[in-house]
Amino acid sequence: MSGKKFSAAEGDNPGSNKEVTLSARQADSQRQTLSVEDAGEILGLSRGAAYARAKDGSLPTIRLGKRLLVPKAALDKLLMSA
């Protein structure tokens, strides 16, 4: 599996411009949101059912431009209350 490469900003580490390679799993673990489809998969829902739950408000979402996202913290809270 190939990793994503990120360069350190000049102010982050003086005198160094090393690239840090993260695996896809590490990069995903740093994300704070999930797509509706990914959240639905975690919950065992079909794509259509996940979007229906997002529309009726039972799946918490935020909108960033055209993207509809599920905050991981809100999904975790939902799962803990079940």
N, C-alpha and C. Protein backbone atom coordinates (compact mmCIF):
# COMPACT_ATOMS: atom_id res chain seq x y z
N MET A 1 0.85 -1.18 0.00
CA MET A 1 0.00 0.00 0.00
C MET A 1 0.89 1.24 0.00
N SER A 2 0.66 2.13 -0.91
CA SER A 2 1.49 3.33 -0.97
C SER A 2 0.99 4.36 0.03
N GLY A 3 1.89 5.17 0.53
CA GLY A 3 1.53 6.17 1.53
C GLY A 3 1.37 7.54 0.91
N LYS A 4 0.76 8.42 1.67
CA LYS A 4 0.63 9.81 1.27
C LYS A 4 1.83 10.54 1.84
N LYS A 5 2.40 11.46 1.07
CA LYS A 5 3.57 12.20 1.53
C LYS A 5 3.19 13.61 1.91
N PHE A 6 3.69 14.04 3.02
CA PHE A 6 3.45 15.38 3.52
C PHE A 6 4.79 16.03 3.81
N SER A 7 4.97 17.26 3.44
CA SER A 7 6.21 17.98 3.73
C SER A 7 5.99 18.86 4.94
N ALA A 8 6.98 18.89 5.79
CA ALA A 8 6.92 19.75 6.96
C ALA A 8 7.06 21.20 6.52
N ALA A 9 6.28 22.07 7.11
CA ALA A 9 6.39 23.50 6.81
C ALA A 9 7.70 24.02 7.38
N GLU A 10 8.20 25.08 6.80
CA GLU A 10 9.50 25.62 7.23
C GLU A 10 9.54 25.92 8.71
N GLY A 11 8.46 26.44 9.28
CA GLY A 11 8.44 26.80 10.69
C GLY A 11 8.28 25.62 11.62
N ASP A 12 7.87 24.46 11.09
CA ASP A 12 7.64 23.30 11.93
C ASP A 12 8.92 22.70 12.50
N ASN A 13 9.95 22.65 11.68
CA ASN A 13 11.19 22.02 12.10
C ASN A 13 12.34 22.78 11.44
N PRO A 14 12.89 23.77 12.12
CA PRO A 14 13.93 24.61 11.52
C PRO A 14 15.08 23.80 10.96
N GLY A 15 15.51 24.14 9.73
CA GLY A 15 16.65 23.48 9.12
C GLY A 15 16.32 22.14 8.51
N SER A 16 15.05 21.77 8.48
CA SER A 16 14.69 20.46 7.95
C SER A 16 13.46 20.57 7.07
N ASN A 17 13.49 19.91 5.94
CA ASN A 17 12.33 19.84 5.07
C ASN A 17 12.10 18.37 4.72
N LYS A 18 12.04 17.52 5.73
CA LYS A 18 11.88 16.08 5.54
C LYS A 18 10.43 15.77 5.19
N GLU A 19 10.28 14.77 4.35
CA GLU A 19 8.94 14.31 4.03
C GLU A 19 8.56 13.22 5.01
N VAL A 20 7.32 13.26 5.43
CA VAL A 20 6.79 12.26 6.32
C VAL A 20 5.80 11.44 5.52
N THR A 21 5.96 10.13 5.50
CA THR A 21 5.06 9.27 4.75
C THR A 21 4.09 8.61 5.72
N LEU A 22 2.81 8.80 5.43
CA LEU A 22 1.76 8.18 6.23
C LEU A 22 1.04 7.15 5.39
N SER A 23 0.71 6.03 5.99
CA SER A 23 -0.08 5.05 5.27
C SER A 23 -1.51 5.59 5.15
N ALA A 24 -2.27 5.02 4.25
CA ALA A 24 -3.66 5.45 4.07
C ALA A 24 -4.43 5.28 5.37
N ARG A 25 -4.15 4.23 6.11
CA ARG A 25 -4.84 3.99 7.38
C ARG A 25 -4.51 5.08 8.39
N GLN A 26 -3.25 5.50 8.47
CA GLN A 26 -2.86 6.57 9.39
C GLN A 26 -3.50 7.88 9.00
N ALA A 27 -3.53 8.19 7.71
CA ALA A 27 -4.14 9.43 7.24
C ALA A 27 -5.63 9.42 7.56
N ASP A 28 -6.31 8.29 7.35
CA ASP A 28 -7.73 8.19 7.65
C ASP A 28 -8.00 8.33 9.14
N SER A 29 -7.10 7.82 9.97
CA SER A 29 -7.32 7.90 11.42
C SER A 29 -7.21 9.33 11.92
N GLN A 30 -6.56 10.21 11.16
CA GLN A 30 -6.43 11.60 11.55
C GLN A 30 -7.61 12.45 11.10
N ARG A 31 -8.42 11.92 10.19
CA ARG A 31 -9.59 12.66 9.71
C ARG A 31 -10.61 12.77 10.83
N GLN A 32 -11.29 13.89 10.89
CA GLN A 32 -12.29 14.12 11.93
C GLN A 32 -13.71 13.88 11.43
N THR A 33 -13.86 13.59 10.14
CA THR A 33 -15.17 13.37 9.56
C THR A 33 -15.16 12.13 8.68
N LEU A 34 -16.35 11.63 8.41
CA LEU A 34 -16.55 10.50 7.50
C LEU A 34 -17.57 10.90 6.46
N SER A 35 -17.53 10.25 5.32
CA SER A 35 -18.60 10.45 4.35
C SER A 35 -19.85 9.77 4.90
N VAL A 36 -21.00 10.15 4.38
CA VAL A 36 -22.26 9.51 4.79
C VAL A 36 -22.19 8.02 4.46
N GLU A 37 -21.62 7.69 3.31
CA GLU A 37 -21.49 6.28 2.92
C GLU A 37 -20.64 5.50 3.92
N ASP A 38 -19.49 6.06 4.32
CA ASP A 38 -18.61 5.39 5.28
C ASP A 38 -19.28 5.23 6.64
N ALA A 39 -19.98 6.26 7.09
CA ALA A 39 -20.70 6.17 8.37
C ALA A 39 -21.79 5.11 8.27
N GLY A 40 -22.49 5.08 7.15
CA GLY A 40 -23.51 4.06 6.94
C GLY A 40 -22.94 2.66 6.97
N GLU A 41 -21.76 2.49 6.37
CA GLU A 41 -21.12 1.17 6.38
C GLU A 41 -20.79 0.75 7.81
N ILE A 42 -20.29 1.67 8.61
CA ILE A 42 -19.99 1.38 10.02
C ILE A 42 -21.25 0.96 10.76
N LEU A 43 -22.36 1.61 10.42
CA LEU A 43 -23.63 1.32 11.09
C LEU A 43 -24.39 0.15 10.47
N GLY A 44 -23.88 -0.40 9.38
CA GLY A 44 -24.55 -1.51 8.73
C GLY A 44 -25.74 -1.08 7.88
N LEU A 45 -25.67 0.15 7.36
CA LEU A 45 -26.76 0.69 6.55
C LEU A 45 -26.36 0.73 5.08
N SER A 46 -27.33 0.61 4.20
CA SER A 46 -27.07 0.82 2.78
C SER A 46 -26.81 2.30 2.54
N ARG A 47 -26.31 2.62 1.36
CA ARG A 47 -26.05 4.02 1.01
C ARG A 47 -27.34 4.83 1.10
N GLY A 48 -28.42 4.31 0.52
CA GLY A 48 -29.70 5.01 0.54
C GLY A 48 -30.24 5.21 1.94
N ALA A 49 -30.11 4.17 2.77
CA ALA A 49 -30.59 4.27 4.15
C ALA A 49 -29.76 5.28 4.94
N ALA A 50 -28.46 5.32 4.70
CA ALA A 50 -27.59 6.28 5.40
C ALA A 50 -28.00 7.71 5.04
N TYR A 51 -28.24 7.97 3.75
CA TYR A 51 -28.66 9.31 3.35
C TYR A 51 -30.05 9.65 3.88
N ALA A 52 -30.93 8.65 3.97
CA ALA A 52 -32.26 8.90 4.55
C ALA A 52 -32.15 9.27 6.02
N ARG A 53 -31.26 8.58 6.77
CA ARG A 53 -31.05 8.92 8.19
C ARG A 53 -30.42 10.29 8.33
N ALA A 54 -29.55 10.66 7.40
CA ALA A 54 -28.95 12.00 7.42
C ALA A 54 -30.02 13.05 7.16
N LYS A 55 -30.91 12.77 6.22
CA LYS A 55 -31.97 13.72 5.88
C LYS A 55 -32.95 13.91 7.03
N ASP A 56 -33.29 12.81 7.73
CA ASP A 56 -34.26 12.95 8.84
C ASP A 56 -33.61 13.38 10.15
N GLY A 57 -32.27 13.52 10.15
CA GLY A 57 -31.58 14.04 11.32
C GLY A 57 -31.12 12.99 12.32
N SER A 58 -31.44 11.72 12.09
CA SER A 58 -31.01 10.70 13.05
C SER A 58 -29.54 10.33 12.88
N LEU A 59 -28.93 10.71 11.76
CA LEU A 59 -27.49 10.59 11.57
C LEU A 59 -26.94 12.02 11.51
N PRO A 60 -26.16 12.43 12.51
CA PRO A 60 -25.69 13.82 12.56
C PRO A 60 -24.72 14.13 11.42
N THR A 61 -24.95 15.26 10.77
CA THR A 61 -24.11 15.66 9.64
C THR A 61 -23.77 17.14 9.71
N ILE A 62 -22.73 17.50 8.99
CA ILE A 62 -22.39 18.89 8.75
C ILE A 62 -22.20 19.04 7.24
N ARG A 63 -22.46 20.23 6.73
CA ARG A 63 -22.28 20.47 5.31
C ARG A 63 -21.12 21.44 5.12
N LEU A 64 -20.18 21.03 4.28
CA LEU A 64 -19.05 21.87 3.91
C LEU A 64 -19.12 22.03 2.40
N GLY A 65 -19.62 23.16 1.97
CA GLY A 65 -19.84 23.36 0.53
C GLY A 65 -20.90 22.38 0.07
N LYS A 66 -20.56 21.57 -0.92
CA LYS A 66 -21.49 20.56 -1.43
C LYS A 66 -21.39 19.23 -0.68
N ARG A 67 -20.35 19.10 0.13
CA ARG A 67 -20.11 17.81 0.81
C ARG A 67 -20.92 17.69 2.09
N LEU A 68 -21.52 16.54 2.27
CA LEU A 68 -22.26 16.21 3.49
C LEU A 68 -21.41 15.22 4.27
N LEU A 69 -20.98 15.60 5.47
CA LEU A 69 -20.04 14.81 6.25
C LEU A 69 -20.61 14.48 7.63
N VAL A 70 -20.14 13.37 8.18
CA VAL A 70 -20.54 12.95 9.52
C VAL A 70 -19.33 13.12 10.43
N PRO A 71 -19.42 14.00 11.44
CA PRO A 71 -18.30 14.14 12.38
C PRO A 71 -18.09 12.85 13.16
N LYS A 72 -16.83 12.40 13.25
CA LYS A 72 -16.54 11.17 13.99
C LYS A 72 -16.99 11.26 15.44
N ALA A 73 -16.79 12.42 16.06
CA ALA A 73 -17.18 12.58 17.47
C ALA A 73 -18.69 12.39 17.65
N ALA A 74 -19.47 12.93 16.72
CA ALA A 74 -20.93 12.79 16.81
C ALA A 74 -21.35 11.35 16.57
N LEU A 75 -20.68 10.66 15.65
CA LEU A 75 -20.99 9.25 15.40
C LEU A 75 -20.64 8.41 16.62
N ASP A 76 -19.49 8.67 17.23
CA ASP A 76 -19.08 7.96 18.45
C ASP A 76 -20.11 8.18 19.56
N LYS A 77 -20.56 9.42 19.72
CA LYS A 77 -21.56 9.73 20.75
C LYS A 77 -22.86 8.99 20.47
N LEU A 78 -23.27 8.93 19.20
CA LEU A 78 -24.47 8.21 18.82
C LEU A 78 -24.35 6.73 19.15
N LEU A 79 -23.20 6.16 18.86
CA LEU A 79 -22.98 4.73 19.13
C LEU A 79 -22.93 4.43 20.63
N MET A 80 -22.38 5.36 21.41
CA MET A 80 -22.28 5.16 22.85
C MET A 80 -23.65 5.25 23.52
N SER A 81 -24.55 6.02 22.94
CA SER A 81 -25.88 6.19 23.54
C SER A 81 -26.85 5.08 23.15
N ALA A 82 -26.45 4.24 22.22
CA ALA A 82 -27.34 3.16 21.76
C ALA A 82 -27.35 2.00 22.71
